[in-house]
C-alpha cells in the first residue's frame, strides 16, 4: 500500500533538507533546536504544517494546535476502545 503525501505538511524530503538530518528522531531534535513547531505522529515522524514555514506565525501555531488536538482525540479513542475490549 502506498500513501500519497498530504500537501498540508512538509514531505520527508522537505524535512531532510530543512533539518539536514535523515533519521526522524534527529529531525525532531533539530526542529526543536531551530524553534520550529511540530507534532510527532503515532510512529514518531515529525509533522510540520507548511503554514509554519510559509504562512504567518499565527497560522502555524493554529495548525499545530489543531494537530495536537487531533492526536489527543485519537489517543483517547484508542484508550477507550482498549478499555472496552478488556471489559468483554
N, C-alpha and C. Protein backbone atom coordinates (compact mmCIF):
# COMPACT_ATOMS: atom_id res chain seq x y z
N UNK A 1 0.84 -1.17 0.00
CA UNK A 1 0.00 0.00 0.00
C UNK A 1 0.89 1.24 0.00
N UNK A 2 0.60 2.15 -0.89
CA UNK A 2 1.39 3.37 -0.99
C UNK A 2 0.51 4.55 -0.59
N UNK A 3 1.07 5.41 0.26
CA UNK A 3 0.34 6.58 0.72
C UNK A 3 0.79 7.79 -0.07
N UNK A 4 -0.17 8.65 -0.37
CA UNK A 4 0.17 9.91 -1.03
C UNK A 4 0.49 10.94 0.03
N UNK A 5 1.44 11.79 -0.27
CA UNK A 5 1.83 12.84 0.66
C UNK A 5 0.71 13.85 0.80
N UNK A 6 0.45 14.25 2.03
CA UNK A 6 -0.55 15.28 2.30
C UNK A 6 0.13 16.64 2.08
N UNK A 7 -0.36 17.42 1.14
CA UNK A 7 0.31 18.69 0.83
C UNK A 7 0.25 19.73 1.95
N UNK A 8 -0.52 19.46 3.00
CA UNK A 8 -0.58 20.40 4.12
C UNK A 8 0.65 20.32 5.01
N UNK A 9 1.45 19.24 4.85
CA UNK A 9 2.62 19.03 5.71
C UNK A 9 3.88 18.90 4.86
N UNK A 10 5.01 19.27 5.46
CA UNK A 10 6.28 19.11 4.75
C UNK A 10 6.51 17.64 4.44
N UNK A 11 7.07 17.37 3.27
CA UNK A 11 7.36 16.00 2.88
C UNK A 11 8.61 15.50 3.61
N UNK A 12 8.87 14.20 3.51
CA UNK A 12 10.08 13.63 4.10
C UNK A 12 11.32 14.32 3.53
N UNK A 13 11.29 14.56 2.22
CA UNK A 13 12.42 15.24 1.57
C UNK A 13 12.57 16.67 2.09
N UNK A 14 11.45 17.37 2.24
CA UNK A 14 11.49 18.74 2.77
C UNK A 14 12.10 18.76 4.17
N UNK A 15 11.68 17.79 5.01
CA UNK A 15 12.21 17.72 6.37
C UNK A 15 13.72 17.44 6.37
N UNK A 16 14.15 16.57 5.47
CA UNK A 16 15.57 16.26 5.38
C UNK A 16 16.36 17.50 4.96
N UNK A 17 15.84 18.24 3.99
CA UNK A 17 16.52 19.46 3.53
C UNK A 17 16.51 20.52 4.63
N UNK A 18 15.37 20.72 5.28
CA UNK A 18 15.24 21.75 6.31
C UNK A 18 16.15 21.48 7.50
N UNK A 19 16.19 20.23 7.95
CA UNK A 19 16.94 19.91 9.16
C UNK A 19 18.37 19.44 8.89
N UNK A 20 18.62 18.96 7.68
CA UNK A 20 19.93 18.40 7.38
C UNK A 20 20.11 17.02 8.00
N UNK A 21 19.02 16.40 8.41
CA UNK A 21 19.06 15.10 9.08
C UNK A 21 18.15 14.12 8.35
N UNK A 22 18.53 12.84 8.35
CA UNK A 22 17.72 11.81 7.68
C UNK A 22 16.84 11.05 8.67
N UNK A 23 17.37 10.75 9.84
CA UNK A 23 16.60 9.98 10.83
C UNK A 23 15.55 10.86 11.48
N UNK A 24 14.36 10.29 11.69
CA UNK A 24 13.22 11.05 12.22
C UNK A 24 13.52 11.62 13.60
N UNK A 25 14.16 10.84 14.45
CA UNK A 25 14.49 11.31 15.79
C UNK A 25 15.43 12.52 15.71
N UNK A 26 16.42 12.44 14.83
CA UNK A 26 17.36 13.55 14.66
C UNK A 26 16.66 14.78 14.08
N UNK A 27 15.69 14.55 13.18
CA UNK A 27 14.93 15.66 12.63
C UNK A 27 14.15 16.37 13.72
N UNK A 28 13.51 15.61 14.59
CA UNK A 28 12.74 16.20 15.69
C UNK A 28 13.66 17.03 16.60
N UNK A 29 14.82 16.49 16.91
CA UNK A 29 15.78 17.20 17.76
C UNK A 29 16.20 18.51 17.09
N UNK A 30 16.49 18.45 15.80
CA UNK A 30 16.93 19.64 15.07
C UNK A 30 15.80 20.66 14.97
N UNK A 31 14.57 20.20 14.75
CA UNK A 31 13.44 21.13 14.69
C UNK A 31 13.28 21.86 16.03
N UNK A 32 13.50 21.16 17.14
CA UNK A 32 13.43 21.81 18.45
C UNK A 32 14.52 22.87 18.57
N UNK A 33 15.73 22.53 18.14
CA UNK A 33 16.84 23.49 18.20
C UNK A 33 16.56 24.71 17.34
N UNK A 34 15.87 24.50 16.21
CA UNK A 34 15.56 25.59 15.29
C UNK A 34 14.31 26.36 15.71
N UNK A 35 13.68 25.91 16.80
CA UNK A 35 12.45 26.52 17.31
C UNK A 35 11.33 26.52 16.27
N UNK A 36 11.24 25.40 15.53
CA UNK A 36 10.17 25.20 14.55
C UNK A 36 9.14 24.27 15.18
N UNK A 37 7.90 24.73 15.33
CA UNK A 37 6.89 23.88 15.96
C UNK A 37 6.54 22.68 15.09
N UNK A 38 6.34 21.54 15.74
CA UNK A 38 5.97 20.31 15.05
C UNK A 38 5.24 19.41 16.02
N UNK A 39 4.64 18.36 15.49
CA UNK A 39 3.96 17.35 16.28
C UNK A 39 4.47 16.00 15.81
N UNK A 40 4.70 15.09 16.75
CA UNK A 40 5.08 13.72 16.38
C UNK A 40 3.81 12.91 16.16
N UNK A 41 3.77 12.18 15.04
CA UNK A 41 2.61 11.32 14.82
C UNK A 41 2.79 10.03 15.62
N UNK A 42 1.91 9.09 15.42
CA UNK A 42 1.91 7.86 16.20
C UNK A 42 3.15 7.00 16.06
N UNK A 43 3.90 7.16 14.99
CA UNK A 43 5.10 6.36 14.79
C UNK A 43 6.38 7.17 14.95
N UNK A 44 6.25 8.38 15.50
CA UNK A 44 7.42 9.19 15.80
C UNK A 44 7.95 10.05 14.66
N UNK A 45 7.17 10.20 13.62
CA UNK A 45 7.57 11.06 12.50
C UNK A 45 7.13 12.49 12.79
N UNK A 46 8.06 13.46 12.69
CA UNK A 46 7.66 14.84 12.93
C UNK A 46 6.78 15.36 11.79
N UNK A 47 5.68 15.98 12.16
CA UNK A 47 4.79 16.60 11.18
C UNK A 47 4.91 18.12 11.34
N UNK A 48 5.29 18.77 10.25
CA UNK A 48 5.41 20.23 10.24
C UNK A 48 4.44 20.75 9.20
N UNK A 49 3.40 21.47 9.62
CA UNK A 49 2.49 22.05 8.64
C UNK A 49 3.22 23.06 7.76
N UNK A 50 2.90 23.07 6.50
CA UNK A 50 3.52 24.01 5.56
C UNK A 50 3.30 25.44 6.05
N UNK A 51 2.16 25.70 6.69
CA UNK A 51 1.86 27.05 7.19
C UNK A 51 2.90 27.54 8.20
N UNK A 52 3.55 26.61 8.91
CA UNK A 52 4.59 27.01 9.87
C UNK A 52 5.75 27.67 9.13
N UNK A 53 6.04 27.19 7.93
CA UNK A 53 7.18 27.71 7.16
C UNK A 53 6.75 28.84 6.23
N UNK A 54 5.64 28.66 5.54
CA UNK A 54 5.24 29.61 4.50
C UNK A 54 4.20 30.63 4.95
N UNK A 55 3.49 30.36 6.03
CA UNK A 55 2.41 31.26 6.46
C UNK A 55 2.86 32.18 7.57
N UNK A 56 1.89 32.77 8.19
CA UNK A 56 2.18 33.65 9.32
C UNK A 56 2.40 32.80 10.57
N UNK A 57 3.09 33.35 11.57
CA UNK A 57 3.28 32.59 12.82
C UNK A 57 1.96 32.18 13.47
N UNK A 58 0.96 33.05 13.39
CA UNK A 58 -0.35 32.71 13.99
C UNK A 58 -0.98 31.52 13.28
N UNK A 59 -0.88 31.48 11.95
CA UNK A 59 -1.43 30.35 11.19
C UNK A 59 -0.69 29.07 11.56
N UNK A 60 0.61 29.16 11.70
CA UNK A 60 1.41 27.99 12.07
C UNK A 60 1.04 27.46 13.44
N UNK A 61 0.89 28.36 14.43
CA UNK A 61 0.50 27.94 15.77
C UNK A 61 -0.88 27.30 15.78
N UNK A 62 -1.78 27.88 14.99
CA UNK A 62 -3.14 27.33 14.91
C UNK A 62 -3.11 25.92 14.31
N UNK A 63 -2.30 25.74 13.27
CA UNK A 63 -2.19 24.42 12.63
C UNK A 63 -1.62 23.39 13.60
N UNK A 64 -0.63 23.77 14.39
CA UNK A 64 -0.04 22.86 15.37
C UNK A 64 -1.06 22.51 16.45
N UNK A 65 -1.80 23.50 16.94
CA UNK A 65 -2.83 23.23 17.96
C UNK A 65 -3.89 22.27 17.44
N UNK A 66 -4.28 22.45 16.18
CA UNK A 66 -5.26 21.55 15.58
C UNK A 66 -4.71 20.13 15.50
N UNK A 67 -3.44 19.99 15.12
CA UNK A 67 -2.82 18.67 15.05
C UNK A 67 -2.74 18.02 16.43
N UNK A 68 -2.33 18.80 17.43
CA UNK A 68 -2.24 18.27 18.78
C UNK A 68 -3.60 17.80 19.27
N UNK A 69 -4.64 18.57 19.00
CA UNK A 69 -6.00 18.18 19.41
C UNK A 69 -6.43 16.91 18.69
N UNK A 70 -6.10 16.80 17.42
CA UNK A 70 -6.46 15.62 16.63
C UNK A 70 -5.79 14.37 17.21
N UNK A 71 -4.49 14.46 17.50
CA UNK A 71 -3.78 13.30 18.04
C UNK A 71 -4.25 12.96 19.44
N UNK A 72 -4.59 13.96 20.25
CA UNK A 72 -5.13 13.70 21.59
C UNK A 72 -6.46 12.96 21.49
N UNK A 73 -7.29 13.37 20.54
CA UNK A 73 -8.57 12.70 20.34
C UNK A 73 -8.37 11.25 19.89
N UNK A 74 -7.41 11.02 19.00
CA UNK A 74 -7.12 9.65 18.56
C UNK A 74 -6.65 8.79 19.73
N UNK A 75 -5.76 9.33 20.57
CA UNK A 75 -5.28 8.57 21.73
C UNK A 75 -6.43 8.22 22.67
N UNK A 76 -7.30 9.19 22.91
CA UNK A 76 -8.44 8.96 23.79
C UNK A 76 -9.35 7.87 23.22
N UNK A 77 -9.60 7.94 21.92
CA UNK A 77 -10.44 6.93 21.27
C UNK A 77 -9.81 5.55 21.38
N UNK A 78 -8.49 5.46 21.16
CA UNK A 78 -7.79 4.18 21.26
C UNK A 78 -7.85 3.64 22.68
N UNK A 79 -7.66 4.52 23.67
CA UNK A 79 -7.71 4.09 25.06
C UNK A 79 -9.10 3.58 25.42
N UNK A 80 -10.13 4.26 24.96
CA UNK A 80 -11.50 3.84 25.24
C UNK A 80 -11.80 2.49 24.58
N UNK A 81 -11.35 2.32 23.35
CA UNK A 81 -11.58 1.05 22.65
C UNK A 81 -10.86 -0.08 23.36
N UNK A 82 -9.64 0.16 23.82
CA UNK A 82 -8.89 -0.87 24.55
C UNK A 82 -9.59 -1.22 25.86
N UNK A 83 -10.12 -0.22 26.53
CA UNK A 83 -10.83 -0.46 27.79
C UNK A 83 -12.07 -1.31 27.54
N UNK A 84 -12.79 -1.02 26.47
CA UNK A 84 -13.99 -1.80 26.13
C UNK A 84 -13.63 -3.24 25.80
N UNK A 85 -12.52 -3.44 25.09
CA UNK A 85 -12.08 -4.81 24.76
C UNK A 85 -11.73 -5.59 26.02
N UNK A 86 -11.09 -4.91 26.99
CA UNK A 86 -10.70 -5.60 28.24
C UNK A 86 -11.92 -5.98 29.08
N UNK A 87 -12.98 -5.20 28.97
CA UNK A 87 -14.19 -5.45 29.78
C UNK A 87 -14.99 -6.64 29.24
N UNK A 88 -14.77 -7.04 28.04
CA UNK A 88 -15.54 -8.14 27.44
C UNK A 88 -15.13 -9.45 27.99
